[in-house]
Amino acid sequence: MGEAPTKRMDAMPTFQVAHLRREGQDVIIVPVDRSFGKRSPTEQARIQEAFQRSAAAADMAGVVVPVWEDASGRMAFRAPPPWHDFFKSIDMVYVATALNRSLSLESQ
């Protein structure tokens, strides 16, 4: 009867990230598409949690912080309140120069 068809495995989306240590804490900065900013806060949180699970599965310590360019061209972010000053002090150019790891987003 022939061989069973092989199951095609779609590659998981992979993102370049900046894995930094800031003030004694690890942070994983994930640049995302600007459309992220147009999603509901619930959807943004769901995506951020998926990145967090993927980081844990990859043994990458730290809190995931998605960043994107907003409509005015400035960097927007979803970070814990104590980190807002740091994220307000950087921009997408800083993030681009800090990219040092890749993270595959696991489908859940």
Protein backbone atom coordinates (compact mmCIF):
# COMPACT_ATOMS: atom_id res chain seq x y z
CA MET A 1 0.00 0.00 0.00
CA GLY A 2 2.96 2.34 0.08
CA GLU A 3 4.40 4.43 2.84
CA ALA A 4 2.36 6.63 5.12
CA PRO A 5 2.62 10.27 4.15
CA THR A 6 5.09 12.18 6.25
CA LYS A 7 3.58 14.85 8.44
CA ARG A 8 4.73 18.29 7.38
CA MET A 9 6.06 20.31 10.27
CA ASP A 10 5.67 24.05 9.81
CA ALA A 11 8.59 25.93 11.25
CA MET A 12 7.85 27.90 14.37
CA PRO A 13 8.16 31.65 13.84
CA THR A 14 11.56 32.81 15.08
CA PHE A 15 12.26 36.29 16.41
CA GLN A 16 15.55 38.04 17.02
CA VAL A 17 15.56 39.26 20.63
CA ALA A 18 17.77 41.30 22.92
CA HIS A 19 18.54 39.29 26.06
CA LEU A 20 19.91 41.83 28.55
CA ARG A 21 20.73 42.06 32.21
CA ARG A 22 19.58 45.38 33.62
CA GLU A 23 19.92 46.35 37.29
CA GLY A 24 20.41 42.73 38.27
CA GLN A 25 17.40 41.44 36.34
CA ASP A 26 17.18 39.65 33.01
CA VAL A 27 14.93 41.09 30.34
CA ILE A 28 14.08 39.67 26.92
CA ILE A 29 13.16 42.46 24.51
CA VAL A 30 11.15 41.18 21.55
CA PRO A 31 10.63 43.56 18.62
CA VAL A 32 7.21 42.85 17.12
CA ASP A 33 5.28 44.24 14.18
CA ARG A 34 3.60 47.62 14.70
CA SER A 35 0.20 45.90 14.28
CA PHE A 36 0.78 44.52 17.80
CA GLY A 37 -0.12 47.96 19.14
CA LYS A 38 -3.53 47.79 17.47
CA ARG A 39 -4.48 44.55 19.21
CA SER A 40 -6.59 44.50 22.35
CA PRO A 41 -4.77 44.47 25.70
CA THR A 42 -6.05 40.91 26.21
CA GLU A 43 -4.59 39.76 22.89
CA GLN A 44 -1.31 41.56 23.61
CA ALA A 45 -1.09 39.80 26.98
CA ARG A 46 -1.81 36.42 25.34
CA ILE A 47 1.00 36.93 22.83
CA GLN A 48 3.38 38.15 25.53
CA GLU A 49 2.60 35.06 27.61
CA ALA A 50 3.29 32.82 24.60
CA PHE A 51 6.70 34.47 24.21
CA GLN A 52 7.30 34.00 27.95
CA ARG A 53 6.50 30.26 27.70
CA SER A 54 8.80 29.92 24.70
CA ALA A 55 11.61 31.72 26.55
CA ALA A 56 11.21 29.38 29.53
CA ALA A 57 11.24 26.35 27.22
CA ALA A 58 14.49 27.65 25.69
CA ASP A 59 16.04 28.13 29.16
CA MET A 60 16.17 31.88 28.56
CA ALA A 61 15.75 33.66 31.90
CA GLY A 62 13.97 36.97 32.16
CA VAL A 63 10.76 38.84 31.65
CA VAL A 64 9.62 39.18 28.04
CA VAL A 65 8.90 42.73 26.93
CA PRO A 66 7.42 43.22 23.45
CA VAL A 67 8.40 46.50 21.77
CA TRP A 68 7.05 48.03 18.56
CA GLU A 69 7.00 51.28 16.66
CA ASP A 70 3.80 53.22 17.28
CA ALA A 71 1.94 55.38 14.75
CA SER A 72 4.10 58.40 15.60
CA GLY A 73 7.32 56.45 15.03
CA ARG A 74 8.24 56.16 18.71
CA MET A 75 8.87 52.90 20.50
CA ALA A 76 5.95 51.47 22.48
CA PHE A 77 6.29 48.59 24.96
CA ARG A 78 4.56 46.26 27.43
CA ALA A 79 6.86 46.21 30.45
CA PRO A 80 6.43 46.01 34.23
CA PRO A 81 5.95 49.53 35.68
CA PRO A 82 9.36 49.60 37.44
CA TRP A 83 11.03 49.28 34.02
CA HIS A 84 9.10 52.05 32.27
CA ASP A 85 11.85 54.65 32.78
CA PHE A 86 14.41 52.38 31.13
CA PHE A 87 12.14 51.60 28.18
CA LYS A 88 11.28 55.29 27.75
CA SER A 89 15.03 56.01 27.56
CA ILE A 90 15.72 53.66 24.63
CA ASP A 91 14.47 53.42 21.07
CA MET A 92 14.16 50.87 18.28
CA VAL A 93 17.71 51.65 17.10
CA TYR A 94 19.03 50.69 20.55
CA VAL A 95 16.99 47.49 20.45
CA ALA A 96 18.22 46.65 16.94
CA THR A 97 21.85 47.01 18.03
CA ALA A 98 21.24 44.87 21.14
CA LEU A 99 19.75 41.85 19.33
CA ASN A 100 21.84 38.88 20.45
CA ARG A 101 19.62 35.79 20.58
CA SER A 102 16.79 34.16 18.67
CA LEU A 103 13.56 32.85 20.14
CA SER A 104 11.14 30.50 18.42
CA LEU A 105 7.53 31.05 19.32
CA GLU A 106 5.96 27.75 20.26
CA SER A 107 2.38 27.24 19.17
CA GLN A 108 0.09 26.49 22.07
